[in-house]
N, C-alpha and C. Protein backbone atom coordinates (compact mmCIF):
# COMPACT_ATOMS: atom_id res chain seq x y z
N MET A 1 -12.70 -11.83 48.70
CA MET A 1 -12.65 -10.65 47.90
C MET A 1 -13.77 -10.00 48.01
N SER A 2 -13.47 -8.62 48.45
CA SER A 2 -14.27 -7.05 48.82
C SER A 2 -14.97 -7.25 47.75
N ASP A 3 -15.89 -6.41 47.90
CA ASP A 3 -17.06 -6.27 47.09
C ASP A 3 -15.90 -5.07 46.49
N THR A 4 -15.75 -4.22 46.60
CA THR A 4 -15.44 -3.82 45.44
C THR A 4 -13.81 -3.73 44.44
N LYS A 5 -13.30 -5.29 44.51
CA LYS A 5 -12.56 -6.08 44.00
C LYS A 5 -13.32 -6.74 42.68
N GLU A 6 -14.60 -7.23 43.34
CA GLU A 6 -15.79 -8.09 42.74
C GLU A 6 -15.97 -7.42 41.53
N ALA A 7 -16.45 -5.91 42.10
CA ALA A 7 -17.03 -5.19 40.97
C ALA A 7 -16.29 -4.76 39.58
N LYS A 8 -15.20 -4.40 40.22
CA LYS A 8 -13.77 -4.57 39.24
C LYS A 8 -13.60 -5.34 38.69
N ALA A 9 -13.57 -6.75 39.06
CA ALA A 9 -13.27 -8.14 38.40
C ALA A 9 -13.80 -8.19 36.94
N ALA A 10 -15.25 -7.85 37.14
CA ALA A 10 -16.79 -7.72 36.66
C ALA A 10 -16.42 -6.30 35.36
N ILE A 11 -15.94 -5.73 35.38
CA ILE A 11 -16.03 -4.55 34.81
C ILE A 11 -15.09 -5.24 33.13
N ALA A 12 -15.86 -4.41 32.08
CA ALA A 12 -15.75 -5.18 30.59
C ALA A 12 -14.53 -3.86 30.37
N PRO A 13 -13.52 -3.85 29.44
CA PRO A 13 -12.65 -2.71 29.29
C PRO A 13 -13.69 -1.71 28.19
N HIS A 14 -13.56 -0.76 28.28
CA HIS A 14 -14.44 0.21 27.19
C HIS A 14 -13.86 1.33 27.10
N ILE A 15 -14.34 1.77 26.34
CA ILE A 15 -13.83 3.56 25.39
C ILE A 15 -14.76 4.22 26.29
N ILE A 16 -13.67 5.50 27.14
CA ILE A 16 -14.76 6.87 27.35
C ILE A 16 -14.78 7.74 26.38
N LYS A 17 -13.60 7.84 25.82
CA LYS A 17 -13.42 9.44 24.99
C LYS A 17 -12.54 8.97 23.69
N GLU A 18 -12.80 9.95 22.39
CA GLU A 18 -11.17 9.80 21.73
C GLU A 18 -11.66 11.56 21.47
N GLU A 19 -9.79 11.96 21.95
CA GLU A 19 -10.09 13.21 21.44
C GLU A 19 -9.03 12.99 20.29
N LEU A 20 -9.30 14.13 18.93
CA LEU A 20 -8.29 14.44 18.34
C LEU A 20 -7.29 15.07 18.37
N MET A 21 -5.48 14.66 18.03
CA MET A 21 -4.74 15.05 18.37
C MET A 21 -3.69 15.85 16.99
N ALA A 22 -4.16 15.31 15.99
CA ALA A 22 -3.58 15.63 14.80
C ALA A 22 -4.03 15.20 13.13
N ALA A 23 -4.22 15.75 12.63
CA ALA A 23 -4.80 14.98 10.97
C ALA A 23 -4.29 15.35 9.84
N GLY A 24 -3.77 15.15 8.71
CA GLY A 24 -3.93 15.51 8.21
C GLY A 24 -4.49 14.73 6.42
N GLN A 25 -4.25 14.63 5.39
CA GLN A 25 -5.35 14.28 4.46
C GLN A 25 -6.15 12.74 4.44
N TRP A 26 -4.94 11.67 4.84
CA TRP A 26 -5.11 10.28 5.03
C TRP A 26 -5.50 9.98 6.57
N LEU A 27 -4.77 10.38 7.12
CA LEU A 27 -4.52 9.71 8.94
C LEU A 27 -4.61 10.71 10.05
N LYS A 28 -5.36 10.14 11.43
CA LYS A 28 -5.26 11.21 12.03
C LYS A 28 -4.45 10.49 13.01
N LEU A 29 -4.38 11.22 13.97
CA LEU A 29 -3.83 10.83 15.24
C LEU A 29 -4.87 10.97 16.66
N GLU A 30 -5.40 10.13 17.40
CA GLU A 30 -6.21 10.59 18.29
C GLU A 30 -5.26 10.20 20.04
N LYS A 31 -6.09 10.35 21.05
CA LYS A 31 -6.02 9.72 22.29
C LYS A 31 -6.95 9.90 22.50
N THR A 32 -7.24 7.85 22.99
CA THR A 32 -8.09 7.51 23.67
C THR A 32 -7.69 7.16 25.18
N THR A 33 -8.76 7.47 25.72
CA THR A 33 -9.49 7.48 27.31
C THR A 33 -10.35 5.68 27.06
N TYR A 34 -9.65 5.32 28.58
CA TYR A 34 -10.21 4.00 28.29
C TYR A 34 -10.16 3.28 29.53
N VAL A 35 -11.33 2.13 29.98
CA VAL A 35 -11.15 1.68 31.71
C VAL A 35 -10.27 0.31 30.80
N ASP A 36 -9.82 -0.35 31.62
CA ASP A 36 -9.23 -1.50 31.48
C ASP A 36 -9.62 -2.39 32.51
N PRO A 37 -9.90 -3.85 32.63
CA PRO A 37 -9.86 -4.85 32.92
C PRO A 37 -10.35 -4.69 34.14
N ALA A 38 -9.28 -3.98 34.91
CA ALA A 38 -9.38 -3.72 36.53
C ALA A 38 -9.81 -2.79 36.76
N GLY A 39 -10.73 -1.56 36.16
CA GLY A 39 -11.21 -0.83 36.01
C GLY A 39 -10.51 0.64 36.46
N SER A 40 -9.54 0.60 36.22
CA SER A 40 -8.88 1.89 35.69
C SER A 40 -8.39 2.53 34.42
N SER A 41 -8.87 3.74 34.63
CA SER A 41 -8.79 4.65 33.13
C SER A 41 -7.07 4.93 32.98
N ARG A 42 -7.36 4.83 31.88
CA ARG A 42 -6.04 4.70 30.73
C ARG A 42 -6.14 5.30 29.55
N THR A 43 -4.98 6.07 28.73
CA THR A 43 -4.91 6.63 28.00
C THR A 43 -4.28 5.64 26.60
N TRP A 44 -4.29 5.97 25.46
CA TRP A 44 -3.75 5.10 24.51
C TRP A 44 -3.85 6.02 22.99
N GLU A 45 -2.66 6.18 22.73
CA GLU A 45 -2.62 7.27 21.66
C GLU A 45 -2.43 6.14 20.06
N ALA A 46 -2.96 6.26 19.35
CA ALA A 46 -3.30 5.53 17.89
C ALA A 46 -3.92 5.90 16.76
N VAL A 47 -3.50 6.01 15.83
CA VAL A 47 -2.94 6.54 14.08
C VAL A 47 -4.91 5.50 13.73
N LYS A 48 -5.44 6.38 12.96
CA LYS A 48 -7.06 5.91 12.53
C LYS A 48 -6.23 6.82 11.10
N ARG A 49 -7.38 5.79 10.07
CA ARG A 49 -7.21 6.55 8.52
C ARG A 49 -8.71 7.29 8.50
N THR A 50 -8.40 8.55 7.83
CA THR A 50 -10.23 8.93 7.52
C THR A 50 -10.67 9.26 5.90
N THR A 51 -9.58 7.69 5.54
CA THR A 51 -11.02 7.25 4.56
C THR A 51 -11.64 5.89 4.69
N ARG A 52 -12.02 5.82 6.05
CA ARG A 52 -12.72 4.53 5.93
C ARG A 52 -14.23 5.07 5.66
N ARG A 53 -14.86 4.29 4.44
CA ARG A 53 -16.19 4.09 3.67
C ARG A 53 -17.32 4.17 5.18
N ALA A 54 -18.53 5.02 4.87
CA ALA A 54 -19.43 4.94 6.00
C ALA A 54 -19.77 3.55 5.80
N GLY A 55 -20.33 2.22 6.93
CA GLY A 55 -21.29 1.59 6.65
C GLY A 55 -20.01 0.05 6.32
N ALA A 56 -18.71 0.71 6.06
CA ALA A 56 -17.50 -0.59 5.50
C ALA A 56 -16.72 -1.11 6.93
N GLU A 57 -16.90 -2.84 7.15
CA GLU A 57 -16.39 -3.44 7.65
C GLU A 57 -15.10 -3.04 8.05
N ALA A 58 -14.07 -3.33 6.72
CA ALA A 58 -12.80 -3.09 6.67
C ALA A 58 -12.22 -1.69 6.22
N ASP A 59 -11.23 -1.31 5.22
CA ASP A 59 -10.09 -0.17 5.38
C ASP A 59 -10.05 -0.78 3.61
N GLY A 60 -9.74 -1.77 4.09
CA GLY A 60 -8.80 -2.10 2.62
C GLY A 60 -8.56 -3.75 2.75
N VAL A 61 -8.28 -4.18 1.51
CA VAL A 61 -8.13 -5.50 1.11
C VAL A 61 -6.33 -5.78 0.83
N GLY A 62 -6.26 -6.89 0.76
CA GLY A 62 -4.96 -7.22 0.61
C GLY A 62 -5.02 -8.51 -0.22
N ILE A 63 -4.51 -8.98 -1.46
CA ILE A 63 -4.36 -10.07 -1.92
C ILE A 63 -3.93 -11.08 -2.79
N ILE A 64 -4.35 -12.27 -2.52
CA ILE A 64 -3.08 -13.63 -2.60
C ILE A 64 -3.89 -13.94 -4.03
N ALA A 65 -2.69 -13.77 -4.54
CA ALA A 65 -3.64 -14.22 -6.77
C ALA A 65 -2.59 -14.94 -7.08
N LEU A 66 -2.71 -16.12 -7.14
CA LEU A 66 -2.72 -17.60 -8.14
C LEU A 66 -2.42 -17.30 -9.13
N LEU A 67 -1.64 -17.09 -10.20
CA LEU A 67 -1.52 -17.18 -10.97
C LEU A 67 -1.22 -18.26 -12.01
N LYS A 68 -1.86 -18.84 -12.32
CA LYS A 68 -2.33 -20.63 -13.30
C LYS A 68 -1.75 -20.56 -14.69
N ARG A 69 -0.97 -21.24 -15.22
CA ARG A 69 -0.34 -21.08 -16.38
C ARG A 69 -0.09 -22.25 -17.27
N THR A 70 -0.69 -22.62 -18.47
CA THR A 70 0.17 -23.98 -18.75
C THR A 70 1.59 -24.17 -19.18
N LEU A 71 1.63 -25.36 -18.39
CA LEU A 71 3.54 -25.37 -18.73
C LEU A 71 4.52 -24.44 -17.84
N HIS A 72 3.65 -24.03 -16.86
CA HIS A 72 4.58 -23.12 -15.81
C HIS A 72 4.06 -23.58 -14.74
N LYS A 73 4.82 -23.02 -13.78
CA LYS A 73 4.54 -23.48 -11.95
C LYS A 73 3.68 -22.53 -11.63
N ASP A 74 2.62 -22.42 -11.13
CA ASP A 74 2.01 -22.29 -10.50
C ASP A 74 2.69 -21.01 -9.74
N CYS A 75 2.53 -19.71 -9.76
CA CYS A 75 2.74 -18.55 -9.17
C CYS A 75 2.15 -17.53 -8.51
N VAL A 76 2.53 -17.02 -7.08
CA VAL A 76 2.04 -16.25 -6.37
C VAL A 76 2.26 -14.59 -7.22
N VAL A 77 1.23 -14.04 -7.56
CA VAL A 77 1.62 -12.54 -7.31
C VAL A 77 2.34 -11.82 -6.49
N MET A 78 3.21 -11.22 -6.45
CA MET A 78 3.54 -9.32 -5.54
C MET A 78 4.09 -8.43 -6.04
N VAL A 79 3.86 -7.39 -5.39
CA VAL A 79 4.02 -6.60 -5.28
C VAL A 79 5.56 -6.11 -5.00
N LYS A 80 6.30 -5.01 -5.33
CA LYS A 80 7.69 -4.16 -4.87
C LYS A 80 7.08 -2.46 -4.99
N GLN A 81 7.77 -1.99 -3.68
CA GLN A 81 7.02 -0.57 -4.44
C GLN A 81 7.84 -0.02 -3.21
N PHE A 82 8.22 1.34 -3.48
CA PHE A 82 9.15 1.76 -2.47
C PHE A 82 7.93 2.47 -1.03
N ARG A 83 8.42 2.41 -0.38
CA ARG A 83 7.20 3.37 1.06
C ARG A 83 8.19 3.62 1.77
N PRO A 84 7.72 5.31 1.65
CA PRO A 84 8.19 6.38 2.54
C PRO A 84 8.45 6.25 3.55
N PRO A 85 7.39 5.54 4.51
CA PRO A 85 7.40 5.59 6.22
C PRO A 85 8.61 4.55 6.35
N LEU A 86 9.31 3.81 5.71
CA LEU A 86 10.87 2.79 6.65
C LEU A 86 11.41 2.76 5.39
N GLY A 87 11.54 3.87 4.44
CA GLY A 87 12.38 4.61 3.32
C GLY A 87 13.22 3.25 2.55
N CYS A 88 12.59 2.40 1.99
CA CYS A 88 13.32 1.29 1.28
C CYS A 88 12.00 0.79 0.66
N HIS A 89 12.14 -0.22 -0.50
CA HIS A 89 11.61 -1.06 -1.08
C HIS A 89 10.60 -2.18 -0.17
N THR A 90 9.55 -2.46 -0.71
CA THR A 90 9.04 -3.91 0.08
C THR A 90 8.34 -4.34 -0.47
N LEU A 91 8.55 -5.77 0.03
CA LEU A 91 7.64 -6.43 -0.83
C LEU A 91 6.31 -7.00 -0.12
N GLU A 92 5.16 -7.00 -1.28
CA GLU A 92 3.94 -7.03 -0.37
C GLU A 92 2.84 -8.04 -1.10
N PHE A 93 1.81 -8.30 -0.65
CA PHE A 93 0.40 -9.12 -1.81
C PHE A 93 -0.17 -7.16 -2.04
N PRO A 94 -0.45 -7.28 -3.73
CA PRO A 94 -1.33 -6.42 -4.25
C PRO A 94 -2.38 -6.30 -2.81
N ALA A 95 -2.48 -4.98 -3.01
CA ALA A 95 -3.56 -4.35 -2.11
C ALA A 95 -3.78 -2.76 -2.45
N GLY A 96 -5.13 -2.55 -1.50
CA GLY A 96 -5.40 -1.35 -1.53
C GLY A 96 -6.50 -1.02 -0.52
N LEU A 97 -7.08 -0.01 -0.67
CA LEU A 97 -8.65 0.77 -0.18
C LEU A 97 -9.93 0.51 -0.66
N ILE A 98 -10.84 -0.21 0.22
CA ILE A 98 -12.25 -0.58 -0.58
C ILE A 98 -12.42 1.31 -0.64
N ASP A 99 -13.45 1.16 -2.15
CA ASP A 99 -14.19 2.52 -2.44
C ASP A 99 -15.98 2.50 -1.94
N ASP A 100 -16.04 3.55 -1.95
CA ASP A 100 -17.84 3.37 -2.14
C ASP A 100 -18.30 2.43 -2.41
N GLY A 101 -19.49 2.13 -2.13
CA GLY A 101 -20.24 1.31 -2.82
C GLY A 101 -19.58 -0.39 -3.39
N GLU A 102 -18.57 -0.24 -2.72
CA GLU A 102 -17.31 -1.54 -2.88
C GLU A 102 -17.50 -2.82 -2.17
N CYS A 103 -17.61 -4.20 -2.03
CA CYS A 103 -17.69 -4.92 -1.77
C CYS A 103 -16.15 -5.45 -1.35
N ALA A 104 -15.55 -6.27 -0.57
CA ALA A 104 -14.63 -6.56 -0.53
C ALA A 104 -13.57 -7.45 -2.27
N ALA A 105 -14.47 -8.19 -2.39
CA ALA A 105 -14.50 -8.64 -3.61
C ALA A 105 -14.35 -8.06 -5.16
N GLY A 106 -15.04 -6.99 -4.72
CA GLY A 106 -14.93 -6.28 -6.47
C GLY A 106 -14.08 -5.41 -6.03
N ALA A 107 -13.29 -5.06 -4.88
CA ALA A 107 -12.52 -4.11 -4.99
C ALA A 107 -10.98 -4.93 -5.18
N ALA A 108 -10.79 -6.05 -4.62
CA ALA A 108 -9.43 -6.79 -4.67
C ALA A 108 -9.32 -7.25 -6.48
N LEU A 109 -10.60 -7.14 -6.92
CA LEU A 109 -10.38 -7.60 -8.62
C LEU A 109 -9.96 -6.14 -9.30
N ARG A 110 -10.28 -4.67 -8.46
CA ARG A 110 -9.80 -3.72 -9.42
C ARG A 110 -8.59 -3.53 -9.22
N GLU A 111 -8.04 -3.67 -7.49
CA GLU A 111 -6.69 -3.17 -7.53
C GLU A 111 -5.90 -4.25 -7.77
N LEU A 112 -6.12 -5.18 -7.88
CA LEU A 112 -5.55 -6.42 -8.86
C LEU A 112 -5.11 -5.70 -10.24
N LYS A 113 -6.36 -5.90 -10.78
CA LYS A 113 -5.76 -4.85 -12.70
C LYS A 113 -5.36 -3.56 -12.78
N GLU A 114 -5.91 -3.49 -11.61
CA GLU A 114 -4.57 -1.72 -11.23
C GLU A 114 -3.44 -1.68 -11.35
N GLU A 115 -3.02 -2.73 -10.18
CA GLU A 115 -1.47 -2.71 -9.91
C GLU A 115 -0.69 -3.48 -10.56
N THR A 116 -1.32 -4.59 -10.84
CA THR A 116 -0.62 -5.59 -11.50
C THR A 116 -0.42 -5.70 -12.89
N GLY A 117 -2.24 -5.29 -13.83
CA GLY A 117 -2.67 -5.78 -15.07
C GLY A 117 -3.41 -6.80 -15.04
N TYR A 118 -3.43 -8.27 -14.52
CA TYR A 118 -4.25 -9.24 -14.07
C TYR A 118 -5.67 -9.30 -14.10
N LYS A 119 -6.50 -10.18 -14.73
CA LYS A 119 -7.90 -10.08 -14.53
C LYS A 119 -7.74 -11.91 -14.05
N GLY A 120 -8.35 -11.57 -12.27
CA GLY A 120 -9.05 -12.73 -11.60
C GLY A 120 -10.31 -13.12 -11.44
N GLU A 121 -10.06 -14.04 -10.06
CA GLU A 121 -11.63 -14.62 -10.35
C GLU A 121 -11.80 -14.91 -8.51
N VAL A 122 -12.44 -14.15 -8.18
CA VAL A 122 -12.57 -14.24 -6.53
C VAL A 122 -13.27 -15.83 -5.93
N VAL A 123 -11.96 -16.48 -5.08
CA VAL A 123 -12.29 -18.28 -4.85
C VAL A 123 -12.71 -17.61 -3.13
N GLY A 124 -12.18 -16.51 -2.72
CA GLY A 124 -12.42 -16.76 -1.15
C GLY A 124 -12.08 -15.06 -0.80
N VAL A 125 -12.60 -15.42 0.72
CA VAL A 125 -12.72 -13.53 1.46
C VAL A 125 -12.49 -14.32 2.83
N THR A 126 -11.85 -13.95 3.09
CA THR A 126 -11.79 -13.79 5.26
C THR A 126 -12.19 -12.89 5.52
N PRO A 127 -12.59 -13.35 7.11
CA PRO A 127 -13.54 -12.58 7.62
C PRO A 127 -12.38 -10.88 7.70
N VAL A 128 -13.14 -9.84 8.61
CA VAL A 128 -12.27 -8.82 8.59
C VAL A 128 -10.78 -9.06 9.86
N THR A 129 -9.73 -8.48 9.36
CA THR A 129 -8.37 -8.99 10.12
C THR A 129 -7.73 -7.27 10.26
N CYS A 130 -7.24 -6.98 11.89
CA CYS A 130 -6.27 -6.30 12.48
C CYS A 130 -5.26 -6.37 11.45
N LEU A 131 -4.47 -4.96 11.45
CA LEU A 131 -2.75 -5.17 10.99
C LEU A 131 -2.21 -4.74 11.84
N ASP A 132 -2.41 -3.81 12.50
CA ASP A 132 -1.08 -3.26 13.48
C ASP A 132 -2.21 -3.19 14.56
N PRO A 133 -2.91 -4.01 16.42
CA PRO A 133 -3.62 -3.18 16.86
C PRO A 133 -3.03 -2.32 17.60
N GLY A 134 -2.13 -2.70 17.69
CA GLY A 134 -1.52 -1.36 18.93
C GLY A 134 -1.41 0.14 18.44
N LEU A 135 -0.95 -0.07 17.33
CA LEU A 135 -1.08 0.82 16.92
C LEU A 135 -2.08 2.05 16.26
N SER A 136 -2.86 1.09 15.39
CA SER A 136 -4.27 1.68 15.05
C SER A 136 -5.19 0.62 14.88
N ASN A 137 -6.34 1.39 14.45
CA ASN A 137 -7.67 0.35 14.17
C ASN A 137 -7.53 0.16 12.57
N CYS A 138 -6.86 0.17 11.99
CA CYS A 138 -6.97 -0.39 10.28
C CYS A 138 -7.67 -1.78 10.44
N THR A 139 -7.70 -1.78 9.34
CA THR A 139 -8.47 -3.08 8.72
C THR A 139 -8.25 -3.70 7.50
N THR A 140 -8.51 -5.28 7.64
CA THR A 140 -8.29 -5.36 5.79
C THR A 140 -9.13 -6.79 6.05
N ASN A 141 -9.97 -7.58 4.68
CA ASN A 141 -10.05 -8.17 4.34
C ASN A 141 -8.87 -8.67 3.00
N ILE A 142 -9.25 -10.37 3.69
CA ILE A 142 -7.68 -11.03 2.68
C ILE A 142 -8.37 -11.84 1.87
N VAL A 143 -8.54 -11.46 0.44
CA VAL A 143 -8.65 -12.29 -0.39
C VAL A 143 -8.35 -12.71 -1.88
N MET A 144 -8.70 -14.19 -1.80
CA MET A 144 -8.02 -15.06 -2.72
C MET A 144 -8.56 -15.05 -3.98
N VAL A 145 -7.55 -14.56 -5.09
CA VAL A 145 -7.71 -14.46 -6.40
C VAL A 145 -7.51 -15.77 -7.08
N ASN A 146 -8.11 -16.41 -8.48
CA ASN A 146 -7.59 -17.22 -8.89
C ASN A 146 -7.78 -16.36 -10.19
N ILE A 147 -6.19 -16.69 -11.20
CA ILE A 147 -5.82 -15.56 -12.35
C ILE A 147 -5.51 -17.17 -13.52
N ASN A 148 -6.33 -17.33 -14.38
CA ASN A 148 -5.96 -17.86 -15.08
C ASN A 148 -5.45 -17.21 -16.45
N GLY A 149 -4.06 -17.57 -16.43
CA GLY A 149 -2.96 -17.06 -17.39
C GLY A 149 -2.68 -16.97 -18.66
N ASP A 150 -3.37 -18.14 -19.69
CA ASP A 150 -3.62 -18.58 -21.14
C ASP A 150 -4.47 -17.51 -21.34
N GLU A 151 -5.44 -16.95 -20.40
CA GLU A 151 -6.51 -15.88 -21.08
C GLU A 151 -5.89 -14.88 -22.33
N MET A 152 -6.43 -14.58 -22.57
CA MET A 152 -5.13 -13.66 -23.61
C MET A 152 -4.88 -12.33 -23.18
N GLU A 153 -5.58 -11.57 -22.50
CA GLU A 153 -5.95 -10.21 -21.26
C GLU A 153 -4.49 -10.79 -20.15
N ASN A 154 -4.57 -11.30 -19.75
CA ASN A 154 -3.53 -12.11 -19.08
C ASN A 154 -2.04 -12.29 -19.32
N ILE A 155 -1.87 -12.70 -20.89
CA ILE A 155 -0.56 -12.97 -20.93
C ILE A 155 0.22 -11.95 -21.12
N ASN A 156 -0.02 -10.63 -21.79
CA ASN A 156 0.90 -9.70 -21.12
C ASN A 156 -0.22 -8.72 -20.76
N PRO A 157 0.31 -8.50 -19.47
CA PRO A 157 -1.24 -7.42 -18.60
C PRO A 157 -0.30 -6.47 -18.80
N THR A 158 -1.46 -4.98 -18.81
CA THR A 158 -0.90 -3.79 -17.94
C THR A 158 -1.65 -3.32 -17.70
N GLN A 159 -0.65 -2.70 -16.48
CA GLN A 159 -0.94 -2.21 -15.70
C GLN A 159 -1.49 -0.90 -15.96
N GLN A 160 -2.74 -0.40 -14.48
CA GLN A 160 -3.37 0.86 -14.72
C GLN A 160 -3.36 1.68 -13.44
N LEU A 161 -2.22 2.08 -13.44
CA LEU A 161 -1.27 2.88 -11.97
C LEU A 161 -1.72 4.44 -12.22
N GLY A 162 -2.07 4.67 -11.27
CA GLY A 162 -2.75 6.17 -10.69
C GLY A 162 -1.16 6.91 -11.06
N ASP A 163 -1.23 8.07 -10.99
CA ASP A 163 -0.28 9.54 -10.48
C ASP A 163 0.53 8.95 -9.59
N GLY A 164 1.73 8.81 -9.81
CA GLY A 164 2.42 8.64 -8.05
C GLY A 164 2.82 7.06 -7.52
N GLU A 165 1.93 6.49 -8.80
CA GLU A 165 1.94 4.71 -8.12
C GLU A 165 2.77 4.65 -9.07
N PHE A 166 4.43 3.67 -8.24
CA PHE A 166 5.21 3.04 -8.81
C PHE A 166 5.62 1.60 -9.09
N VAL A 167 4.92 0.31 -9.14
CA VAL A 167 5.00 -0.97 -8.73
C VAL A 167 5.57 -1.68 -10.20
N GLU A 168 6.52 -2.72 -9.15
CA GLU A 168 6.50 -3.36 -9.77
C GLU A 168 6.30 -5.14 -9.60
N VAL A 169 5.26 -5.71 -10.45
CA VAL A 169 5.03 -7.14 -10.32
C VAL A 169 6.35 -8.04 -10.63
N LEU A 170 6.28 -9.31 -9.67
CA LEU A 170 7.25 -9.95 -9.16
C LEU A 170 6.24 -11.38 -9.24
N LEU A 171 7.07 -12.29 -9.65
CA LEU A 171 6.04 -13.55 -9.72
C LEU A 171 6.86 -14.36 -8.96
N PHE A 172 6.51 -15.54 -7.77
CA PHE A 172 6.98 -16.50 -7.40
C PHE A 172 6.65 -17.66 -7.00
N PRO A 173 6.99 -18.84 -7.99
CA PRO A 173 6.55 -20.16 -7.74
C PRO A 173 6.49 -20.58 -6.11
N VAL A 174 4.89 -21.11 -6.23
CA VAL A 174 4.50 -21.43 -4.69
C VAL A 174 4.99 -22.38 -4.14
N ASP A 175 5.82 -23.17 -5.09
CA ASP A 175 6.83 -24.21 -4.49
C ASP A 175 8.09 -23.39 -3.70
N GLU A 176 8.18 -22.36 -4.08
CA GLU A 176 9.69 -22.07 -3.82
C GLU A 176 9.73 -20.80 -2.81
N PHE A 177 8.60 -20.44 -2.90
CA PHE A 177 7.57 -18.79 -2.34
C PHE A 177 9.12 -19.07 -1.44
N GLN A 178 8.86 -19.37 -0.20
CA GLN A 178 9.94 -18.34 0.88
C GLN A 178 11.18 -18.69 0.29
N ALA A 179 11.29 -19.81 -0.58
CA ALA A 179 13.30 -19.63 -1.09
C ALA A 179 13.24 -18.40 -1.50
N LYS A 180 12.83 -17.89 -2.33
CA LYS A 180 13.02 -16.81 -3.34
C LYS A 180 13.01 -15.69 -2.93
N ILE A 181 11.58 -15.51 -1.38
CA ILE A 181 11.66 -14.37 -0.93
C ILE A 181 13.39 -14.30 0.06
N ASP A 182 13.37 -15.33 0.28
CA ASP A 182 15.02 -15.21 1.30
C ASP A 182 15.88 -14.56 0.24
N GLU A 183 16.02 -15.25 -1.23
CA GLU A 183 16.98 -14.73 -2.29
C GLU A 183 16.91 -13.57 -2.45
N LEU A 184 15.48 -12.94 -2.56
CA LEU A 184 15.00 -11.70 -3.29
C LEU A 184 16.40 -10.29 -1.38
N LEU A 185 15.84 -11.44 -0.01
CA LEU A 185 16.02 -10.64 0.70
C LEU A 185 18.24 -10.55 0.44
N LYS A 186 18.69 -11.19 0.48
CA LYS A 186 20.38 -10.90 -0.01
C LYS A 186 20.78 -10.27 -1.08
N LYS A 187 20.14 -10.41 -1.51
CA LYS A 187 20.40 -9.21 -2.60
C LYS A 187 20.09 -7.33 -2.44
N GLU A 188 19.22 -7.52 -2.09
CA GLU A 188 18.36 -6.29 -2.14
C GLU A 188 18.09 -5.73 -0.85
N LYS A 189 18.09 -4.38 -0.41
CA LYS A 189 17.46 -3.63 0.45
C LYS A 189 16.28 -3.20 0.61
N ILE A 190 15.33 -5.01 1.35
CA ILE A 190 13.79 -5.03 1.23
C ILE A 190 13.45 -5.21 2.43
N VAL A 191 12.23 -5.04 2.35
CA VAL A 191 11.46 -5.38 3.84
C VAL A 191 10.29 -6.35 3.95
N VAL A 192 9.79 -7.40 3.99
CA VAL A 192 8.91 -7.72 3.56
C VAL A 192 7.40 -8.00 4.49
N ASP A 193 6.49 -7.85 3.66
CA ASP A 193 5.13 -7.43 4.73
C ASP A 193 5.22 -8.99 5.67
N THR A 194 4.30 -8.75 6.57
CA THR A 194 4.32 -9.28 7.70
C THR A 194 4.00 -11.15 7.14
N LYS A 195 2.21 -10.42 6.33
CA LYS A 195 1.77 -11.40 6.00
C LYS A 195 2.10 -12.17 4.74
N VAL A 196 2.77 -11.60 4.30
CA VAL A 196 3.82 -12.43 3.04
C VAL A 196 4.64 -13.41 3.75
N TYR A 197 5.45 -12.91 4.94
CA TYR A 197 6.39 -13.78 4.89
C TYR A 197 5.57 -15.36 5.87
N ILE A 198 4.68 -15.09 6.81
CA ILE A 198 3.90 -15.87 7.18
C ILE A 198 3.06 -16.81 6.72
N PHE A 199 2.69 -15.85 5.07
CA PHE A 199 2.30 -17.23 4.42
C PHE A 199 3.23 -17.70 4.17
N ALA A 200 4.44 -17.34 3.49
CA ALA A 200 4.97 -18.52 2.73
C ALA A 200 5.71 -19.41 3.81
N MET A 201 5.94 -19.31 5.04
CA MET A 201 5.93 -19.91 6.24
C MET A 201 4.80 -21.06 6.08
N GLY A 202 3.30 -20.64 6.12
CA GLY A 202 2.74 -21.87 5.91
C GLY A 202 2.10 -22.58 5.14
N ILE A 203 2.90 -22.17 3.87
CA ILE A 203 3.29 -23.43 2.93
C ILE A 203 3.71 -24.07 2.95
N VAL A 204 5.60 -23.81 3.73
CA VAL A 204 6.33 -24.65 3.45
C VAL A 204 5.68 -25.49 4.55
N GLN A 205 5.01 -25.11 6.17
CA GLN A 205 4.90 -26.37 6.69
C GLN A 205 3.80 -27.76 6.23
N ALA A 206 3.12 -26.66 5.57
CA ALA A 206 1.42 -28.01 4.93
C ALA A 206 2.26 -28.73 4.06
N PHE A 207 3.17 -27.85 3.44
CA PHE A 207 3.23 -29.11 2.38
C PHE A 207 4.71 -30.11 2.68
N PHE A 208 5.65 -29.51 3.47
CA PHE A 208 6.87 -30.51 3.64
C PHE A 208 6.78 -30.67 5.21
N LYS A 209 6.59 -29.95 6.46
CA LYS A 209 6.65 -30.19 7.05
C LYS A 209 5.52 -30.13 8.55
N PRO A 210 4.04 -30.58 7.76
CA PRO A 210 2.78 -30.78 9.02
C PRO A 210 3.36 -30.72 9.99
N ARG A 211 3.44 -31.28 10.54
CA ARG A 211 4.10 -31.65 12.31
C ARG A 211 4.68 -31.37 13.20
N GLU A 212 5.69 -30.51 12.28
CA GLU A 212 6.87 -29.64 13.44
C GLU A 212 6.41 -28.23 12.95
N LEU A 213 6.89 -27.68 14.09
CA LEU A 213 6.87 -26.17 14.45
C LEU A 213 8.09 -25.38 13.16
N PRO A 214 8.03 -24.05 12.46
CA PRO A 214 9.12 -23.87 11.75
C PRO A 214 10.45 -23.45 12.27
N VAL A 215 11.16 -23.42 12.34
CA VAL A 215 12.55 -23.26 12.74
C VAL A 215 13.61 -22.01 11.56
N LEU A 216 13.05 -21.11 12.00
CA LEU A 216 13.45 -20.47 11.25
C LEU A 216 15.75 -19.84 11.49
N LYS A 217 16.03 -19.59 10.15
CA LYS A 217 17.32 -19.10 10.43
C LYS A 217 18.06 -17.72 11.45
N GLN A 218 18.43 -17.55 12.45
CA GLN A 218 19.39 -16.75 12.77
C GLN A 218 20.18 -16.03 12.41
């Protein structure tokens, strides 16, 4: 192998420059010039949020909230809302952006209260995860929350939605989670968030077929 090839092979991919192509109130489009592992200069178009807080590790949070009530099955709290980029409703975990001065746990409890009306207790936070790395640098923490459904404020929760927010709260039993999602897909024109369906598949695998690979319907 020549010295040139050895030098190229040792190059770590890195960003050279980022150029603004277009910007809106919430998002911007950038052209990124970078060096690939072979040493070649390439460009990539990427969407980025304009709202990431200084010093924040992630843009927002996704919330896996488990509602526990006496004499009821444990349920996962879901939200259904119209998403303009898809032109239809979606089924998602409650979620939102992290505000100034907030940690992931604090943002999750606030967003859960606003979107669903439920008050919960954080029981776990994931590391920062990416959402669609081929398209954007957007990142999130997934926050696990337990909700005591027997507490008075959680018996008849009241949403605290902002202007222009229209969110329907759905409760799916944990032991029927994937089945309930599939039923909804048959009845309505709705798109399921990837995180939600992967979580549903994981539940099935963990409880019913822990030693088998999942088989999806064609």
